[in-house]
C-alpha cells in the first residue's frame, strides 16, 4: 500500500498552502499599502479590494 504523505502529496500541499496564504496575507495588507503609499481613501480601497476578489474568483472559476 502506498503511503499518503509521499513526495507528490507534500509538493501539492505546499503549493496550495502558499497560494491560500498569499491571498490571506495580501487582503489585510493591501489597504494599508494603498492608504500609506498612494493616499487612497476608503472608497478607492474598497473598489480595489472588490476588484481583486472578483478577479481572483473569475480566474479560479475558469481554470
PDB file of N, CA and C in Angstrom:
ATOM      1  N   UNK A   1       0.839  -1.180   0.000  1.00  0.00           N
ATOM      2  CA  UNK A   1       0.000   0.000   0.000  1.00  0.00           C
ATOM      3  C   UNK A   1       0.885   1.245   0.000  1.00  0.00           C
ATOM      4  N   UNK A   2       0.532   2.199  -0.850  1.00  0.00           N
ATOM      5  CA  UNK A   2       1.331   3.414  -0.966  1.00  0.00           C
ATOM      6  C   UNK A   2       1.020   4.378   0.179  1.00  0.00           C
ATOM      7  N   UNK A   3       2.044   5.057   0.671  1.00  0.00           N
ATOM      8  CA  UNK A   3       1.875   5.998   1.772  1.00  0.00           C
ATOM      9  C   UNK A   3       1.151   7.252   1.290  1.00  0.00           C
ATOM     10  N   UNK A   4       0.346   7.847   2.161  1.00  0.00           N
ATOM     11  CA  UNK A   4      -0.384   9.067   1.818  1.00  0.00           C
ATOM     12  C   UNK A   4       0.560  10.262   1.712  1.00  0.00           C
ATOM     13  N   UNK A   5       1.480  10.389   2.650  1.00  0.00           N
ATOM     14  CA  UNK A   5       2.368  11.540   2.686  1.00  0.00           C
ATOM     15  C   UNK A   5       3.613  11.292   1.823  1.00  0.00           C
ATOM     16  N   UNK A   6       3.397  10.991   0.559  1.00  0.00           N
ATOM     17  CA  UNK A   6       4.533  10.792  -0.330  1.00  0.00           C
ATOM     18  C   UNK A   6       5.022  12.149  -0.851  1.00  0.00           C
ATOM     19  N   UNK A   7       6.022  12.143  -1.673  1.00  0.00           N
ATOM     20  CA  UNK A   7       6.657  13.371  -2.143  1.00  0.00           C
ATOM     21  C   UNK A   7       5.688  14.230  -2.965  1.00  0.00           C
ATOM     22  N   UNK A   8       4.904  13.629  -3.836  1.00  0.00           N
ATOM     23  CA  UNK A   8       3.953  14.396  -4.651  1.00  0.00           C
ATOM     24  C   UNK A   8       2.871  15.041  -3.792  1.00  0.00           C
ATOM     25  N   UNK A   9       2.414  14.348  -2.776  1.00  0.00           N
ATOM     26  CA  UNK A   9       1.400  14.904  -1.882  1.00  0.00           C
ATOM     27  C   UNK A   9       1.952  16.117  -1.133  1.00  0.00           C
ATOM     28  N   UNK A  10       3.187  16.017  -0.639  1.00  0.00           N
ATOM     29  CA  UNK A  10       3.794  17.141   0.080  1.00  0.00           C
ATOM     30  C   UNK A  10       3.982  18.343  -0.829  1.00  0.00           C
ATOM     31  N   UNK A  11       4.364  18.119  -2.073  1.00  0.00           N
ATOM     32  CA  UNK A  11       4.526  19.231  -3.022  1.00  0.00           C
ATOM     33  C   UNK A  11       3.187  19.909  -3.308  1.00  0.00           C
ATOM     34  N   UNK A  12       2.144  19.140  -3.512  1.00  0.00           N
ATOM     35  CA  UNK A  12       0.823  19.707  -3.766  1.00  0.00           C
ATOM     36  C   UNK A  12       0.311  20.456  -2.546  1.00  0.00           C
ATOM     37  N   UNK A  13       0.545  19.901  -1.356  1.00  0.00           N
ATOM     38  CA  UNK A  13       0.113  20.559  -0.125  1.00  0.00           C
ATOM     39  C   UNK A  13       0.829  21.885   0.051  1.00  0.00           C
ATOM     40  N   UNK A  14       2.127  21.928  -0.170  1.00  0.00           N
ATOM     41  CA  UNK A  14       2.896  23.169  -0.021  1.00  0.00           C
ATOM     42  C   UNK A  14       2.459  24.216  -1.046  1.00  0.00           C
ATOM     43  N   UNK A  15       2.221  23.808  -2.266  1.00  0.00           N
ATOM     44  CA  UNK A  15       1.792  24.754  -3.295  1.00  0.00           C
ATOM     45  C   UNK A  15       0.433  25.355  -2.945  1.00  0.00           C
ATOM     46  N   UNK A  16      -0.510  24.531  -2.529  1.00  0.00           N
ATOM     47  CA  UNK A  16      -1.828  25.044  -2.143  1.00  0.00           C
ATOM     48  C   UNK A  16      -1.752  25.930  -0.914  1.00  0.00           C
ATOM     49  N   UNK A  17      -0.930  25.561   0.047  1.00  0.00           N
ATOM     50  CA  UNK A  17      -0.759  26.387   1.236  1.00  0.00           C
ATOM     51  C   UNK A  17      -0.211  27.757   0.876  1.00  0.00           C
ATOM     52  N   UNK A  18       0.772  27.817   0.005  1.00  0.00           N
ATOM     53  CA  UNK A  18       1.359  29.102  -0.388  1.00  0.00           C
ATOM     54  C   UNK A  18       0.354  29.971  -1.141  1.00  0.00           C
ATOM     55  N   UNK A  19      -0.465  29.375  -1.975  1.00  0.00           N
ATOM     56  CA  UNK A  19      -1.481  30.144  -2.704  1.00  0.00           C
ATOM     57  C   UNK A  19      -2.485  30.751  -1.730  1.00  0.00           C
ATOM     58  N   UNK A  20      -3.021  29.958  -0.841  1.00  0.00           N
ATOM     59  CA  UNK A  20      -4.016  30.463   0.104  1.00  0.00           C
ATOM     60  C   UNK A  20      -3.398  31.427   1.111  1.00  0.00           C
ATOM     61  N   UNK A  21      -2.173  31.160   1.545  1.00  0.00           N
ATOM     62  CA  UNK A  21      -1.507  32.057   2.485  1.00  0.00           C
ATOM     63  C   UNK A  21      -1.250  33.417   1.849  1.00  0.00           C
ATOM     64  N   UNK A  22      -0.813  33.434   0.599  1.00  0.00           N
ATOM     65  CA  UNK A  22      -0.556  34.716  -0.064  1.00  0.00           C
ATOM     66  C   UNK A  22      -1.843  35.507  -0.240  1.00  0.00           C
ATOM     67  N   UNK A  23      -2.951  34.841  -0.523  1.00  0.00           N
ATOM     68  CA  UNK A  23      -4.232  35.544  -0.644  1.00  0.00           C
ATOM     69  C   UNK A  23      -4.664  36.098   0.702  1.00  0.00           C
ATOM     70  N   UNK A  24      -4.497  35.320   1.763  1.00  0.00           N
ATOM     71  CA  UNK A  24      -4.934  35.763   3.086  1.00  0.00           C
ATOM     72  C   UNK A  24      -4.037  36.847   3.666  1.00  0.00           C
ATOM     73  N   UNK A  25      -2.772  36.880   3.312  1.00  0.00           N
ATOM     74  CA  UNK A  25      -1.888  37.926   3.828  1.00  0.00           C
ATOM     75  C   UNK A  25      -2.017  39.199   2.990  1.00  0.00           C
ATOM     76  N   UNK A  26      -2.350  39.066   1.721  1.00  0.00           N
ATOM     77  CA  UNK A  26      -2.486  40.246   0.869  1.00  0.00           C
ATOM     78  C   UNK A  26      -3.755  41.023   1.182  1.00  0.00           C
ATOM     79  N   UNK A  27      -4.821  40.340   1.527  1.00  0.00           N
ATOM     80  CA  UNK A  27      -6.101  41.005   1.780  1.00  0.00           C
ATOM     81  C   UNK A  27      -6.032  42.023   2.919  1.00  0.00           C
ATOM     82  N   UNK A  28      -5.442  41.727   4.073  1.00  0.00           N
ATOM     83  CA  UNK A  28      -5.382  42.770   5.107  1.00  0.00           C
ATOM     84  C   UNK A  28      -4.267  43.797   4.888  1.00  0.00           C
ATOM     85  N   UNK A  29      -3.218  43.449   4.149  1.00  0.00           N
ATOM     86  CA  UNK A  29      -2.113  44.380   3.976  1.00  0.00           C
ATOM     87  C   UNK A  29      -2.302  45.342   2.813  1.00  0.00           C
ATOM     88  N   UNK A  30      -3.076  44.981   1.828  1.00  0.00           N
ATOM     89  CA  UNK A  30      -3.277  45.849   0.664  1.00  0.00           C
ATOM     90  C   UNK A  30      -3.900  47.190   1.028  1.00  0.00           C
ATOM     91  N   UNK A  31      -4.921  47.259   1.887  1.00  0.00           N
ATOM     92  CA  UNK A  31      -5.459  48.580   2.247  1.00  0.00           C
ATOM     93  C   UNK A  31      -4.437  49.475   2.938  1.00  0.00           C
ATOM     94  N   UNK A  32      -3.604  48.895   3.794  1.00  0.00           N
ATOM     95  CA  UNK A  32      -2.565  49.694   4.448  1.00  0.00           C
ATOM     96  C   UNK A  32      -1.580  50.255   3.437  1.00  0.00           C
ATOM     97  N   UNK A  33      -1.180  49.442   2.501  1.00  0.00           N
ATOM     98  CA  UNK A  33      -0.245  49.881   1.468  1.00  0.00           C
ATOM     99  C   UNK A  33      -0.862  50.969   0.594  1.00  0.00           C
ATOM    100  N   UNK A  34      -2.104  50.771   0.196  1.00  0.00           N
ATOM    101  CA  UNK A  34      -2.753  51.760  -0.660  1.00  0.00           C
ATOM    102  C   UNK A  34      -2.932  53.097   0.045  1.00  0.00           C
ATOM    103  N   UNK A  35      -3.288  53.069   1.307  1.00  0.00           N
ATOM    104  CA  UNK A  35      -3.515  54.329   2.021  1.00  0.00           C
ATOM    105  C   UNK A  35      -2.204  55.046   2.332  1.00  0.00           C
ATOM    106  N   UNK A  36      -1.155  54.306   2.681  1.00  0.00           N
ATOM    107  CA  UNK A  36       0.109  54.950   3.034  1.00  0.00           C
ATOM    108  C   UNK A  36       0.921  55.376   1.817  1.00  0.00           C
ATOM    109  N   UNK A  37       0.978  54.552   0.797  1.00  0.00           N
ATOM    110  CA  UNK A  37       1.823  54.858  -0.357  1.00  0.00           C
ATOM    111  C   UNK A  37       1.133  55.743  -1.392  1.00  0.00           C
ATOM    112  N   UNK A  38      -0.165  55.556  -1.572  1.00  0.00           N
ATOM    113  CA  UNK A  38      -0.876  56.276  -2.624  1.00  0.00           C
ATOM    114  C   UNK A  38      -1.880  57.285  -2.094  1.00  0.00           C
ATOM    115  N   UNK A  39      -2.087  57.304  -0.781  1.00  0.00           N
ATOM    116  CA  UNK A  39      -3.050  58.236  -0.206  1.00  0.00           C
ATOM    117  C   UNK A  39      -4.484  57.943  -0.615  1.00  0.00           C
ATOM    118  N   UNK A  40      -4.803  56.689  -0.816  1.00  0.00           N
ATOM    119  CA  UNK A  40      -6.145  56.306  -1.250  1.00  0.00           C
ATOM    120  C   UNK A  40      -7.126  56.438  -0.095  1.00  0.00           C
ATOM    121  N   UNK A  41      -8.351  56.841  -0.424  1.00  0.00           N
ATOM    122  CA  UNK A  41      -9.387  56.922   0.611  1.00  0.00           C
ATOM    123  C   UNK A  41     -10.110  55.581   0.711  1.00  0.00           C
ATOM    124  N   UNK A  42     -11.078  55.494   1.629  1.00  0.00           N
ATOM    125  CA  UNK A  42     -11.759  54.224   1.888  1.00  0.00           C
ATOM    126  C   UNK A  42     -12.543  53.719   0.682  1.00  0.00           C
ATOM    127  N   UNK A  43     -13.133  54.638  -0.089  1.00  0.00           N
ATOM    128  CA  UNK A  43     -13.890  54.214  -1.270  1.00  0.00           C
ATOM    129  C   UNK A  43     -12.976  53.582  -2.314  1.00  0.00           C
ATOM    130  N   UNK A  44     -11.827  54.183  -2.544  1.00  0.00           N
ATOM    131  CA  UNK A  44     -10.886  53.642  -3.527  1.00  0.00           C
ATOM    132  C   UNK A  44     -10.321  52.296  -3.067  1.00  0.00           C
ATOM    133  N   UNK A  45     -10.033  52.198  -1.787  1.00  0.00           N
ATOM    134  CA  UNK A  45      -9.522  50.937  -1.258  1.00  0.00           C
ATOM    135  C   UNK A  45     -10.570  49.836  -1.405  1.00  0.00           C
ATOM    136  N   UNK A  46     -11.822  50.158  -1.148  1.00  0.00           N
ATOM    137  CA  UNK A  46     -12.896  49.184  -1.308  1.00  0.00           C
ATOM    138  C   UNK A  46     -13.051  48.727  -2.745  1.00  0.00           C
ATOM    139  N   UNK A  47     -12.910  49.654  -3.678  1.00  0.00           N
ATOM    140  CA  UNK A  47     -13.007  49.282  -5.092  1.00  0.00           C
ATOM    141  C   UNK A  47     -11.853  48.359  -5.495  1.00  0.00           C
ATOM    142  N   UNK A  48     -10.660  48.656  -5.023  1.00  0.00           N
ATOM    143  CA  UNK A  48      -9.503  47.812  -5.355  1.00  0.00           C
ATOM    144  C   UNK A  48      -9.674  46.417  -4.763  1.00  0.00           C
ATOM    145  N   UNK A  49     -10.093  46.342  -3.503  1.00  0.00           N
ATOM    146  CA  UNK A  49     -10.268  45.025  -2.874  1.00  0.00           C
ATOM    147  C   UNK A  49     -11.387  44.221  -3.522  1.00  0.00           C
ATOM    148  N   UNK A  50     -12.480  44.880  -3.858  1.00  0.00           N
ATOM    149  CA  UNK A  50     -13.562  44.140  -4.516  1.00  0.00           C
ATOM    150  C   UNK A  50     -13.150  43.686  -5.907  1.00  0.00           C
ATOM    151  N   UNK A  51     -12.411  44.511  -6.621  1.00  0.00           N
ATOM    152  CA  UNK A  51     -11.906  44.098  -7.929  1.00  0.00           C
ATOM    153  C   UNK A  51     -10.933  42.935  -7.821  1.00  0.00           C
ATOM    154  N   UNK A  52     -10.085  42.976  -6.796  1.00  0.00           N
ATOM    155  CA  UNK A  52      -9.136  41.884  -6.568  1.00  0.00           C
ATOM    156  C   UNK A  52      -9.871  40.581  -6.266  1.00  0.00           C
ATOM    157  N   UNK A  53     -10.883  40.655  -5.402  1.00  0.00           N
ATOM    158  CA  UNK A  53     -11.630  39.444  -5.035  1.00  0.00           C
ATOM    159  C   UNK A  53     -12.404  38.888  -6.226  1.00  0.00           C
ATOM    160  N   UNK A  54     -13.051  39.748  -6.993  1.00  0.00           N
ATOM    161  CA  UNK A  54     -13.809  39.284  -8.161  1.00  0.00           C
ATOM    162  C   UNK A  54     -12.888  38.686  -9.224  1.00  0.00           C
ATOM    163  N   UNK A  55     -11.766  39.334  -9.444  1.00  0.00           N
ATOM    164  CA  UNK A  55     -10.814  38.798 -10.434  1.00  0.00           C
ATOM    165  C   UNK A  55     -10.280  37.441  -9.992  1.00  0.00           C
ATOM    166  N   UNK A  56      -9.972  37.309  -8.699  1.00  0.00           N
ATOM    167  CA  UNK A  56      -9.495  36.011  -8.201  1.00  0.00           C
ATOM    168  C   UNK A  56     -10.554  34.928  -8.381  1.00  0.00           C
ATOM    169  N   UNK A  57     -11.817  35.260  -8.126  1.00  0.00           N
ATOM    170  CA  UNK A  57     -12.885  34.283  -8.313  1.00  0.00           C
ATOM    171  C   UNK A  57     -13.058  33.897  -9.769  1.00  0.00           C
ATOM    172  N   UNK A  58     -12.986  34.872 -10.663  1.00  0.00           N
ATOM    173  CA  UNK A  58     -13.133  34.577 -12.090  1.00  0.00           C
ATOM    174  C   UNK A  58     -11.986  33.722 -12.606  1.00  0.00           C
ATOM    175  N   UNK A  59     -10.781  34.029 -12.183  1.00  0.00           N
ATOM    176  CA  UNK A  59      -9.627  33.250 -12.645  1.00  0.00           C
ATOM    177  C   UNK A  59      -9.691  31.824 -12.121  1.00  0.00           C
ATOM    178  N   UNK A  60     -10.096  31.657 -10.871  1.00  0.00           N
ATOM    179  CA  UNK A  60     -10.188  30.308 -10.297  1.00  0.00           C
ATOM    180  C   UNK A  60     -11.327  29.517 -10.903  1.00  0.00           C
ATOM    181  N   UNK A  61     -12.365  30.208 -11.332  1.00  0.00           N
ATOM    182  CA  UNK A  61     -13.514  29.521 -11.919  1.00  0.00           C
ATOM    183  C   UNK A  61     -13.195  28.995 -13.319  1.00  0.00           C
ATOM    184  N   UNK A  62     -12.359  29.709 -14.073  1.00  0.00           N
ATOM    185  CA  UNK A  62     -12.080  29.303 -15.442  1.00  0.00           C
ATOM    186  C   UNK A  62     -10.976  28.261 -15.542  1.00  0.00           C
ATOM    187  N   UNK A  63     -10.180  28.109 -14.498  1.00  0.00           N
ATOM    188  CA  UNK A  63      -9.088  27.147 -14.603  1.00  0.00           C
ATOM    189  C   UNK A  63      -9.435  25.811 -14.014  1.00  0.00           C
TER     190      UNK A  63
END
